[in-house]
Amino acid sequence: MLTTVHTAERLGTRSRWSDRPAWQAFRALWQRPSAVVGLAILLFWIGVALTVTFLVPFDPLATDVSARLQPPSVTHWFGTDDLGRDIFRRTLYGARISLPAGFLTVLGALVIGCLVGAIAGYAGGWVDAILMRIADMVLAFPSIVLAMAIAAALGPGLKNALIAIVIVLWPEYARLMRAQVLAVKAQEYVTAAEALGVSRLRLLLIHILPNTQAPLVVKATLDVGAAIVLTAGLSFIGLGAVPPAPEWGAMIREGQRRFSQWWLATFPGLAIFSVVMALNFLGDGLRDVLDPRRRRR
């Protein structure tokens, strides 16, 4: 009898886990090979960023003029630059700069944009009009051009480049969040909650915002790759990370002056390509999983 009860409890626990939307989404994502590949590549680079000081316990800024501009070899897998610095080490250490830069800028834009969009969508009226006109003013300029202008005004440096990218990205999240809030706000259960006297703040935090997450998660995943590319682009033109920091865009900038030494820019470029490709694969998979219309196909 006790065995039967314990078995029933275990089955009930498994059933509760399997019925959760997050678990169902994970299982659906696991069935998409491209998303799994993207997740694996992304986890690899995150692991590199977290453990590179233990895996490669050497200073990426250390120079060795006697070994300058050596092509890839057994000693230096990715070759060396004009100061004899090992490109393999610098590429791995670059993950500690480029990955956090991408995630932090998207997180900042997501927080600001969601806050502005939620207020605009729920308050409506003149508040909505003013906030959305500000967002439209930012969106009127091409992202890379506006980011370059802001970074140039603030001055060279990785911190200023990240601030510029946050300013460029937040209006897109504000627009998306506003649209989601307006759509959820029109649902019958929200109207019923209002009729029952639920406070506006509780209504927004408990009933509206939790149901606006899916498209924001997908967009944020895709935008991390875009933010990494923007950061690298600003570093490439001298408005982001400054030498000798082993940031991928700055490394490509150092390599573009020496076309005959192809390895200087190739390996940092491949690192950017692999991370952005992984994020795009993962973002496409999340879009298919979190959109009920696509999941039914």
C-alpha atoms as a PDB file:
ATOM      1  CA  MET A   1       0.000   0.000   0.000  1.00  0.00           C
ATOM      2  CA  LEU A   2       2.804   2.389   0.933  1.00  0.00           C
ATOM      3  CA  THR A   3       4.623   1.485  -2.265  1.00  0.00           C
ATOM      4  CA  THR A   4       1.536   2.356  -4.271  1.00  0.00           C
ATOM      5  CA  VAL A   5       1.216   5.701  -2.489  1.00  0.00           C
ATOM      6  CA  HIS A   6       4.894   6.571  -3.054  1.00  0.00           C
ATOM      7  CA  THR A   7       4.644   5.568  -6.710  1.00  0.00           C
ATOM      8  CA  ALA A   8       1.570   7.742  -7.139  1.00  0.00           C
ATOM      9  CA  GLU A   9       3.350  10.660  -5.477  1.00  0.00           C
ATOM     10  CA  ARG A  10       6.358  10.289  -7.788  1.00  0.00           C
ATOM     11  CA  LEU A  11       4.112  10.099 -10.826  1.00  0.00           C
ATOM     12  CA  GLY A  12       2.216  13.144  -9.618  1.00  0.00           C
ATOM     13  CA  THR A  13       5.457  15.074  -9.159  1.00  0.00           C
ATOM     14  CA  ARG A  14       6.648  14.117 -12.648  1.00  0.00           C
ATOM     15  CA  SER A  15       3.270  15.076 -14.060  1.00  0.00           C
ATOM     16  CA  ARG A  16       3.398  18.479 -12.394  1.00  0.00           C
ATOM     17  CA  TRP A  17       6.900  19.077 -13.777  1.00  0.00           C
ATOM     18  CA  SER A  18       5.969  17.916 -17.267  1.00  0.00           C
ATOM     19  CA  ASP A  19       2.893  20.142 -17.293  1.00  0.00           C
ATOM     20  CA  ARG A  20       4.827  23.301 -16.556  1.00  0.00           C
ATOM     21  CA  PRO A  21       5.102  25.657 -19.571  1.00  0.00           C
ATOM     22  CA  ALA A  22       8.833  26.198 -19.014  1.00  0.00           C
ATOM     23  CA  TRP A  23       9.520  22.450 -19.077  1.00  0.00           C
ATOM     24  CA  GLN A  24       7.363  21.975 -22.173  1.00  0.00           C
ATOM     25  CA  ALA A  25       9.192  24.822 -23.902  1.00  0.00           C
ATOM     26  CA  PHE A  26      12.572  23.306 -23.008  1.00  0.00           C
ATOM     27  CA  ARG A  27      11.539  19.918 -24.388  1.00  0.00           C
ATOM     28  CA  ALA A  28      10.282  21.534 -27.588  1.00  0.00           C
ATOM     29  CA  LEU A  29      13.523  23.514 -27.902  1.00  0.00           C
ATOM     30  CA  TRP A  30      15.556  20.337 -27.411  1.00  0.00           C
ATOM     31  CA  GLN A  31      13.835  18.836 -30.466  1.00  0.00           C
ATOM     32  CA  ARG A  32      15.234  21.572 -32.723  1.00  0.00           C
ATOM     33  CA  PRO A  33      18.810  20.656 -33.770  1.00  0.00           C
ATOM     34  CA  SER A  34      19.802  24.177 -34.794  1.00  0.00           C
ATOM     35  CA  ALA A  35      18.715  25.591 -31.430  1.00  0.00           C
ATOM     36  CA  VAL A  36      20.621  22.859 -29.584  1.00  0.00           C
ATOM     37  CA  VAL A  37      23.750  23.597 -31.638  1.00  0.00           C
ATOM     38  CA  GLY A  38      23.376  27.313 -30.941  1.00  0.00           C
ATOM     39  CA  LEU A  39      22.921  26.700 -27.220  1.00  0.00           C
ATOM     40  CA  ALA A  40      25.970  24.399 -27.139  1.00  0.00           C
ATOM     41  CA  ILE A  41      28.197  26.972 -28.884  1.00  0.00           C
ATOM     42  CA  LEU A  42      26.950  29.748 -26.612  1.00  0.00           C
ATOM     43  CA  LEU A  43      27.554  27.659 -23.483  1.00  0.00           C
ATOM     44  CA  PHE A  44      31.050  26.860 -24.774  1.00  0.00           C
ATOM     45  CA  TRP A  45      31.932  30.547 -25.057  1.00  0.00           C
ATOM     46  CA  ILE A  46      30.348  31.344 -21.698  1.00  0.00           C
ATOM     47  CA  GLY A  47      32.423  28.540 -20.200  1.00  0.00           C
ATOM     48  CA  VAL A  48      35.539  29.983 -21.839  1.00  0.00           C
ATOM     49  CA  ALA A  49      34.785  33.436 -20.436  1.00  0.00           C
ATOM     50  CA  LEU A  50      34.312  32.030 -16.936  1.00  0.00           C
ATOM     51  CA  THR A  51      37.300  29.672 -16.866  1.00  0.00           C
ATOM     52  CA  VAL A  52      39.882  31.150 -19.241  1.00  0.00           C
ATOM     53  CA  THR A  53      42.092  32.362 -16.390  1.00  0.00           C
ATOM     54  CA  PHE A  54      42.376  28.735 -15.245  1.00  0.00           C
ATOM     55  CA  LEU A  55      42.549  27.159 -18.713  1.00  0.00           C
ATOM     56  CA  VAL A  56      45.119  29.617 -20.070  1.00  0.00           C
ATOM     57  CA  PRO A  57      46.894  31.108 -17.031  1.00  0.00           C
ATOM     58  CA  PHE A  58      49.007  33.533 -19.062  1.00  0.00           C
ATOM     59  CA  ASP A  59      48.858  37.285 -19.424  1.00  0.00           C
ATOM     60  CA  PRO A  60      47.143  38.120 -22.764  1.00  0.00           C
ATOM     61  CA  LEU A  61      48.961  41.467 -22.734  1.00  0.00           C
ATOM     62  CA  ALA A  62      52.438  39.951 -22.397  1.00  0.00           C
ATOM     63  CA  THR A  63      54.686  40.821 -25.338  1.00  0.00           C
ATOM     64  CA  ASP A  64      57.561  38.924 -26.945  1.00  0.00           C
ATOM     65  CA  VAL A  65      59.155  40.921 -29.738  1.00  0.00           C
ATOM     66  CA  SER A  66      61.308  37.953 -30.740  1.00  0.00           C
ATOM     67  CA  ALA A  67      58.123  36.059 -31.686  1.00  0.00           C
ATOM     68  CA  ARG A  68      56.309  38.879 -33.494  1.00  0.00           C
ATOM     69  CA  LEU A  69      54.024  38.186 -36.478  1.00  0.00           C
ATOM     70  CA  GLN A  70      54.477  34.429 -36.444  1.00  0.00           C
ATOM     71  CA  PRO A  71      51.850  32.430 -38.386  1.00  0.00           C
ATOM     72  CA  PRO A  72      49.767  29.716 -36.687  1.00  0.00           C
ATOM     73  CA  SER A  73      51.972  26.887 -35.462  1.00  0.00           C
ATOM     74  CA  VAL A  74      52.224  24.240 -32.765  1.00  0.00           C
ATOM     75  CA  THR A  75      53.723  26.818 -30.407  1.00  0.00           C
ATOM     76  CA  HIS A  76      51.225  29.575 -31.210  1.00  0.00           C
ATOM     77  CA  TRP A  77      47.993  27.988 -32.443  1.00  0.00           C
ATOM     78  CA  PHE A  78      46.522  31.249 -33.791  1.00  0.00           C
ATOM     79  CA  GLY A  79      49.841  32.976 -34.485  1.00  0.00           C
ATOM     80  CA  THR A  80      51.135  36.179 -32.888  1.00  0.00           C
ATOM     81  CA  ASP A  81      50.629  39.900 -33.500  1.00  0.00           C
ATOM     82  CA  ASP A  82      53.152  42.664 -34.165  1.00  0.00           C
ATOM     83  CA  LEU A  83      54.133  42.743 -30.477  1.00  0.00           C
ATOM     84  CA  GLY A  84      54.510  38.982 -30.194  1.00  0.00           C
ATOM     85  CA  ARG A  85      51.285  38.541 -28.213  1.00  0.00           C
ATOM     86  CA  ASP A  86      49.611  35.146 -28.624  1.00  0.00           C
ATOM     87  CA  ILE A  87      46.386  35.506 -30.653  1.00  0.00           C
ATOM     88  CA  PHE A  88      44.915  32.298 -29.224  1.00  0.00           C
ATOM     89  CA  ARG A  89      45.163  33.602 -25.667  1.00  0.00           C
ATOM     90  CA  ARG A  90      43.863  37.030 -26.638  1.00  0.00           C
ATOM     91  CA  THR A  91      40.908  35.546 -28.513  1.00  0.00           C
ATOM     92  CA  LEU A  92      39.909  33.441 -25.505  1.00  0.00           C
ATOM     93  CA  TYR A  93      40.362  36.349 -23.108  1.00  0.00           C
ATOM     94  CA  GLY A  94      38.334  38.491 -25.498  1.00  0.00           C
ATOM     95  CA  ALA A  95      35.280  36.448 -24.553  1.00  0.00           C
ATOM     96  CA  ARG A  96      35.542  37.999 -21.077  1.00  0.00           C
ATOM     97  CA  ILE A  97      34.983  41.412 -22.653  1.00  0.00           C
ATOM     98  CA  SER A  98      32.731  40.862 -25.673  1.00  0.00           C
ATOM     99  CA  LEU A  99      30.200  38.476 -24.106  1.00  0.00           C
ATOM    100  CA  PRO A 100      29.510  40.562 -20.974  1.00  0.00           C
ATOM    101  CA  ALA A 101      29.340  43.652 -23.193  1.00  0.00           C
ATOM    102  CA  GLY A 102      26.606  42.062 -25.300  1.00  0.00           C
ATOM    103  CA  PHE A 103      24.592  40.738 -22.369  1.00  0.00           C
ATOM    104  CA  LEU A 104      24.897  43.893 -20.252  1.00  0.00           C
ATOM    105  CA  THR A 105      23.863  46.273 -23.022  1.00  0.00           C
ATOM    106  CA  VAL A 106      20.811  44.177 -23.878  1.00  0.00           C
ATOM    107  CA  LEU A 107      19.919  43.877 -20.191  1.00  0.00           C
ATOM    108  CA  GLY A 108      20.146  47.644 -19.776  1.00  0.00           C
ATOM    109  CA  ALA A 109      18.091  48.310 -22.901  1.00  0.00           C
ATOM    110  CA  LEU A 110      15.569  45.655 -21.854  1.00  0.00           C
ATOM    111  CA  VAL A 111      15.038  47.148 -18.384  1.00  0.00           C
ATOM    112  CA  ILE A 112      14.713  50.728 -19.625  1.00  0.00           C
ATOM    113  CA  GLY A 113      12.595  49.817 -22.641  1.00  0.00           C
ATOM    114  CA  CYS A 114      10.239  47.541 -20.721  1.00  0.00           C
ATOM    115  CA  LEU A 115       9.737  50.161 -18.017  1.00  0.00           C
ATOM    116  CA  VAL A 116       8.979  52.899 -20.535  1.00  0.00           C
ATOM    117  CA  GLY A 117       6.803  50.643 -22.698  1.00  0.00           C
ATOM    118  CA  ALA A 118       4.802  49.310 -19.750  1.00  0.00           C
ATOM    119  CA  ILE A 119       4.099  52.812 -18.459  1.00  0.00           C
ATOM    120  CA  ALA A 120       3.176  54.073 -21.925  1.00  0.00           C
ATOM    121  CA  GLY A 121       0.920  51.130 -22.749  1.00  0.00           C
ATOM    122  CA  TYR A 122      -0.890  51.042 -19.431  1.00  0.00           C
ATOM    123  CA  ALA A 123      -1.199  54.782 -18.769  1.00  0.00           C
ATOM    124  CA  GLY A 124      -2.104  55.803 -22.314  1.00  0.00           C
ATOM    125  CA  GLY A 125      -3.053  59.387 -23.146  1.00  0.00           C
ATOM    126  CA  TRP A 126      -0.438  62.125 -23.059  1.00  0.00           C
ATOM    127  CA  VAL A 127       2.032  59.935 -21.154  1.00  0.00           C
ATOM    128  CA  ASP A 128       1.965  57.389 -23.973  1.00  0.00           C
ATOM    129  CA  ALA A 129       2.267  60.101 -26.615  1.00  0.00           C
ATOM    130  CA  ILE A 130       5.309  61.776 -25.028  1.00  0.00           C
ATOM    131  CA  LEU A 131       7.204  58.554 -24.296  1.00  0.00           C
ATOM    132  CA  MET A 132       6.599  57.108 -27.749  1.00  0.00           C
ATOM    133  CA  ARG A 133       7.626  60.324 -29.495  1.00  0.00           C
ATOM    134  CA  ILE A 134      10.933  60.192 -27.617  1.00  0.00           C
ATOM    135  CA  ALA A 135      11.363  56.584 -28.721  1.00  0.00           C
ATOM    136  CA  ASP A 136      10.507  57.521 -32.307  1.00  0.00           C
ATOM    137  CA  MET A 137      13.152  60.256 -32.281  1.00  0.00           C
ATOM    138  CA  VAL A 138      15.820  57.683 -31.412  1.00  0.00           C
ATOM    139  CA  LEU A 139      14.486  55.133 -33.900  1.00  0.00           C
ATOM    140  CA  ALA A 140      14.582  57.722 -36.687  1.00  0.00           C
ATOM    141  CA  PHE A 141      18.376  57.344 -36.915  1.00  0.00           C
ATOM    142  CA  PRO A 142      20.220  54.235 -38.148  1.00  0.00           C
ATOM    143  CA  SER A 143      21.467  52.296 -35.124  1.00  0.00           C
ATOM    144  CA  ILE A 144      25.148  52.197 -36.047  1.00  0.00           C
ATOM    145  CA  VAL A 145      25.241  55.885 -37.034  1.00  0.00           C
ATOM    146  CA  LEU A 146      23.577  57.015 -33.803  1.00  0.00           C
ATOM    147  CA  ALA A 147      25.802  54.731 -31.716  1.00  0.00           C
ATOM    148  CA  MET A 148      28.883  56.172 -33.426  1.00  0.00           C
ATOM    149  CA  ALA A 149      27.708  59.737 -32.800  1.00  0.00           C
ATOM    150  CA  ILE A 150      26.967  59.122 -29.112  1.00  0.00           C
ATOM    151  CA  ALA A 151      30.212  57.216 -28.544  1.00  0.00           C
ATOM    152  CA  ALA A 152      32.189  59.969 -30.272  1.00  0.00           C
ATOM    153  CA  ALA A 153      30.496  62.606 -28.104  1.00  0.00           C
ATOM    154  CA  LEU A 154      31.201  60.661 -24.906  1.00  0.00           C
ATOM    155  CA  GLY A 155      34.760  59.805 -25.902  1.00  0.00           C
ATOM    156  CA  PRO A 156      36.596  56.547 -26.679  1.00  0.00           C
ATOM    157  CA  GLY A 157      36.249  53.729 -24.177  1.00  0.00           C
ATOM    158  CA  LEU A 158      34.315  50.512 -23.723  1.00  0.00           C
ATOM    159  CA  LYS A 159      32.025  51.966 -21.043  1.00  0.00           C
ATOM    160  CA  ASN A 160      30.961  54.854 -23.280  1.00  0.00           C
ATOM    161  CA  ALA A 161      30.417  52.473 -26.196  1.00  0.00           C
ATOM    162  CA  LEU A 162      28.091  50.341 -24.070  1.00  0.00           C
ATOM    163  CA  ILE A 163      26.140  53.413 -22.968  1.00  0.00           C
ATOM    164  CA  ALA A 164      25.733  54.401 -26.620  1.00  0.00           C
ATOM    165  CA  ILE A 165      24.419  50.948 -27.544  1.00  0.00           C
ATOM    166  CA  VAL A 166      21.914  50.950 -24.659  1.00  0.00           C
ATOM    167  CA  ILE A 167      20.595  54.322 -25.843  1.00  0.00           C
ATOM    168  CA  VAL A 168      20.238  52.943 -29.363  1.00  0.00           C
ATOM    169  CA  LEU A 169      18.452  49.722 -28.376  1.00  0.00           C
ATOM    170  CA  TRP A 170      15.978  50.684 -25.636  1.00  0.00           C
ATOM    171  CA  PRO A 171      13.293  52.260 -27.903  1.00  0.00           C
ATOM    172  CA  GLU A 172      12.782  48.947 -29.712  1.00  0.00           C
ATOM    173  CA  TYR A 173      11.972  47.234 -26.419  1.00  0.00           C
ATOM    174  CA  ALA A 174       9.727  50.118 -25.407  1.00  0.00           C
ATOM    175  CA  ARG A 175       7.730  49.763 -28.625  1.00  0.00           C
ATOM    176  CA  LEU A 176       7.458  45.999 -28.272  1.00  0.00           C
ATOM    177  CA  MET A 177       6.488  46.133 -24.591  1.00  0.00           C
ATOM    178  CA  ARG A 178       3.864  48.801 -25.261  1.00  0.00           C
ATOM    179  CA  ALA A 179       2.291  46.660 -27.983  1.00  0.00           C
ATOM    180  CA  GLN A 180       2.276  43.623 -25.686  1.00  0.00           C
ATOM    181  CA  VAL A 181       0.735  45.563 -22.794  1.00  0.00           C
ATOM    182  CA  LEU A 182      -2.006  46.954 -25.031  1.00  0.00           C
ATOM    183  CA  ALA A 183      -2.796  43.458 -26.331  1.00  0.00           C
ATOM    184  CA  VAL A 184      -2.902  41.856 -22.870  1.00  0.00           C
ATOM    185  CA  LYS A 185      -4.782  44.796 -21.383  1.00  0.00           C
ATOM    186  CA  ALA A 186      -7.650  44.133 -23.786  1.00  0.00           C
ATOM    187  CA  GLN A 187      -8.101  40.546 -22.547  1.00  0.00           C
ATOM    188  CA  GLU A 188     -11.246  39.647 -20.621  1.00  0.00           C
ATOM    189  CA  TYR A 189      -9.445  38.473 -17.482  1.00  0.00           C
ATOM    190  CA  VAL A 190      -7.793  41.888 -17.139  1.00  0.00           C
ATOM    191  CA  THR A 191     -11.155  43.604 -17.503  1.00  0.00           C
ATOM    192  CA  ALA A 192     -12.586  41.251 -14.874  1.00  0.00           C
ATOM    193  CA  ALA A 193      -9.714  42.008 -12.493  1.00  0.00           C
ATOM    194  CA  GLU A 194     -10.324  45.735 -12.929  1.00  0.00           C
ATOM    195  CA  ALA A 195     -14.023  45.217 -12.189  1.00  0.00           C
ATOM    196  CA  LEU A 196     -13.107  43.379  -8.971  1.00  0.00           C
ATOM    197  CA  GLY A 197     -11.157  46.414  -7.804  1.00  0.00           C
ATOM    198  CA  VAL A 198      -7.610  45.125  -8.257  1.00  0.00           C
ATOM    199  CA  SER A 199      -5.156  48.023  -7.909  1.00  0.00           C
ATOM    200  CA  ARG A 200      -3.516  49.361 -11.052  1.00  0.00           C
ATOM    201  CA  LEU A 201      -0.020  48.481  -9.858  1.00  0.00           C
ATOM    202  CA  ARG A 202      -0.990  44.920  -8.901  1.00  0.00           C
ATOM    203  CA  LEU A 203      -2.848  44.524 -12.178  1.00  0.00           C
ATOM    204  CA  LEU A 204       0.233  45.584 -14.133  1.00  0.00           C
ATOM    205  CA  LEU A 205       2.746  43.512 -12.162  1.00  0.00           C
ATOM    206  CA  ILE A 206       0.715  40.340 -11.599  1.00  0.00           C
ATOM    207  CA  HIS A 207      -1.686  40.054 -14.514  1.00  0.00           C
ATOM    208  CA  ILE A 208      -0.172  41.961 -17.457  1.00  0.00           C
ATOM    209  CA  LEU A 209       3.644  41.877 -17.381  1.00  0.00           C
ATOM    210  CA  PRO A 210       4.036  38.088 -16.877  1.00  0.00           C
ATOM    211  CA  ASN A 211       2.108  37.539 -20.120  1.00  0.00           C
ATOM    212  CA  THR A 212       4.344  39.788 -22.223  1.00  0.00           C
ATOM    213  CA  GLN A 213       7.605  37.858 -21.857  1.00  0.00           C
ATOM    214  CA  ALA A 214       7.779  35.558 -24.894  1.00  0.00           C
ATOM    215  CA  PRO A 215       8.544  38.075 -27.686  1.00  0.00           C
ATOM    216  CA  LEU A 216      10.859  40.015 -25.382  1.00  0.00           C
ATOM    217  CA  VAL A 217      12.915  36.896 -24.615  1.00  0.00           C
ATOM    218  CA  VAL A 218      13.279  36.121 -28.323  1.00  0.00           C
ATOM    219  CA  LYS A 219      14.254  39.678 -29.228  1.00  0.00           C
ATOM    220  CA  ALA A 220      16.730  39.925 -26.348  1.00  0.00           C
ATOM    221  CA  THR A 221      18.426  36.687 -27.422  1.00  0.00           C
ATOM    222  CA  LEU A 222      18.848  37.933 -30.977  1.00  0.00           C
ATOM    223  CA  ASP A 223      19.925  41.398 -29.838  1.00  0.00           C
ATOM    224  CA  VAL A 224      22.815  40.075 -27.745  1.00  0.00           C
ATOM    225  CA  GLY A 225      24.496  39.105 -31.011  1.00  0.00           C
ATOM    226  CA  ALA A 226      23.704  42.495 -32.524  1.00  0.00           C
ATOM    227  CA  ALA A 227      25.119  44.225 -29.440  1.00  0.00           C
ATOM    228  CA  ILE A 228      28.347  42.209 -29.683  1.00  0.00           C
ATOM    229  CA  VAL A 229      28.694  43.217 -33.334  1.00  0.00           C
ATOM    230  CA  LEU A 230      27.966  46.874 -32.501  1.00  0.00           C
ATOM    231  CA  THR A 231      30.533  46.811 -29.694  1.00  0.00           C
ATOM    232  CA  ALA A 232      33.106  45.257 -32.016  1.00  0.00           C
ATOM    233  CA  GLY A 233      32.259  47.800 -34.707  1.00  0.00           C
ATOM    234  CA  LEU A 234      32.768  50.744 -32.354  1.00  0.00           C
ATOM    235  CA  SER A 235      36.054  49.247 -31.159  1.00  0.00           C
ATOM    236  CA  PHE A 236      37.093  48.722 -34.782  1.00  0.00           C
ATOM    237  CA  ILE A 237      36.782  52.434 -35.541  1.00  0.00           C
ATOM    238  CA  GLY A 238      38.478  53.439 -32.284  1.00  0.00           C
ATOM    239  CA  LEU A 239      35.374  54.404 -30.285  1.00  0.00           C
ATOM    240  CA  GLY A 240      35.136  51.299 -28.104  1.00  0.00           C
ATOM    241  CA  ALA A 241      37.710  49.244 -26.247  1.00  0.00           C
ATOM    242  CA  VAL A 242      41.158  50.749 -26.579  1.00  0.00           C
ATOM    243  CA  PRO A 243      44.432  48.827 -27.008  1.00  0.00           C
ATOM    244  CA  PRO A 244      45.873  46.739 -25.528  1.00  0.00           C
ATOM    245  CA  ALA A 245      42.519  45.315 -24.339  1.00  0.00           C
ATOM    246  CA  PRO A 246      41.892  41.938 -26.057  1.00  0.00           C
ATOM    247  CA  GLU A 247      38.432  42.875 -27.312  1.00  0.00           C
ATOM    248  CA  TRP A 248      37.505  41.130 -30.550  1.00  0.00           C
ATOM    249  CA  GLY A 249      36.687  44.290 -32.502  1.00  0.00           C
ATOM    250  CA  ALA A 250      39.879  46.002 -31.351  1.00  0.00           C
ATOM    251  CA  MET A 251      41.878  42.919 -32.370  1.00  0.00           C
ATOM    252  CA  ILE A 252      40.339  43.022 -35.857  1.00  0.00           C
ATOM    253  CA  ARG A 253      41.270  46.708 -36.053  1.00  0.00           C
ATOM    254  CA  GLU A 254      44.879  45.859 -35.249  1.00  0.00           C
ATOM    255  CA  GLY A 255      44.847  43.155 -37.928  1.00  0.00           C
ATOM    256  CA  GLN A 256      43.312  45.205 -40.734  1.00  0.00           C
ATOM    257  CA  ARG A 257      46.544  47.166 -41.088  1.00  0.00           C
ATOM    258  CA  ARG A 258      48.414  43.973 -42.024  1.00  0.00           C
ATOM    259  CA  PHE A 259      46.522  42.078 -44.725  1.00  0.00           C
ATOM    260  CA  SER A 260      49.412  39.703 -45.379  1.00  0.00           C
ATOM    261  CA  GLN A 261      49.181  38.461 -41.768  1.00  0.00           C
ATOM    262  CA  TRP A 262      45.705  37.031 -42.249  1.00  0.00           C
ATOM    263  CA  TRP A 263      45.517  35.370 -38.831  1.00  0.00           C
ATOM    264  CA  LEU A 264      45.481  38.681 -36.946  1.00  0.00           C
ATOM    265  CA  ALA A 265      41.879  39.482 -37.889  1.00  0.00           C
ATOM    266  CA  THR A 266      40.606  36.054 -38.950  1.00  0.00           C
ATOM    267  CA  PHE A 267      40.409  34.341 -35.564  1.00  0.00           C
ATOM    268  CA  PRO A 268      38.738  37.194 -33.645  1.00  0.00           C
ATOM    269  CA  GLY A 269      36.344  37.502 -36.582  1.00  0.00           C
ATOM    270  CA  LEU A 270      35.536  33.797 -36.412  1.00  0.00           C
ATOM    271  CA  ALA A 271      34.878  34.156 -32.684  1.00  0.00           C
ATOM    272  CA  ILE A 272      32.344  36.930 -33.340  1.00  0.00           C
ATOM    273  CA  PHE A 273      30.792  34.919 -36.172  1.00  0.00           C
ATOM    274  CA  SER A 274      30.376  31.790 -34.036  1.00  0.00           C
ATOM    275  CA  VAL A 275      28.767  33.639 -31.116  1.00  0.00           C
ATOM    276  CA  VAL A 276      26.376  35.628 -33.307  1.00  0.00           C
ATOM    277  CA  MET A 277      25.451  32.508 -35.293  1.00  0.00           C
ATOM    278  CA  ALA A 278      24.794  30.614 -32.046  1.00  0.00           C
ATOM    279  CA  LEU A 279      22.564  33.381 -30.716  1.00  0.00           C
ATOM    280  CA  ASN A 280      20.632  33.535 -33.991  1.00  0.00           C
ATOM    281  CA  PHE A 281      20.087  29.765 -33.969  1.00  0.00           C
ATOM    282  CA  LEU A 282      18.957  29.903 -30.340  1.00  0.00           C
ATOM    283  CA  GLY A 283      16.737  32.927 -30.943  1.00  0.00           C
ATOM    284  CA  ASP A 284      15.046  31.278 -33.925  1.00  0.00           C
ATOM    285  CA  GLY A 285      14.434  28.168 -31.833  1.00  0.00           C
ATOM    286  CA  LEU A 286      12.965  30.186 -28.972  1.00  0.00           C
ATOM    287  CA  ARG A 287      10.718  32.043 -31.399  1.00  0.00           C
ATOM    288  CA  ASP A 288       9.358  28.764 -32.754  1.00  0.00           C
ATOM    289  CA  VAL A 289       8.885  27.311 -29.267  1.00  0.00           C
ATOM    290  CA  LEU A 290       7.327  30.333 -27.573  1.00  0.00           C
ATOM    291  CA  ASP A 291       4.945  31.174 -30.429  1.00  0.00           C
ATOM    292  CA  PRO A 292       1.953  28.792 -30.138  1.00  0.00           C
ATOM    293  CA  ARG A 293       1.099  29.241 -33.822  1.00  0.00           C
ATOM    294  CA  ARG A 294       4.560  28.063 -34.902  1.00  0.00           C
ATOM    295  CA  ARG A 295       4.668  25.262 -32.311  1.00  0.00           C
ATOM    296  CA  ARG A 296       1.524  23.678 -33.727  1.00  0.00           C
ATOM    297  CA  ARG A 297       3.099  23.352 -37.190  1.00  0.00           C
END
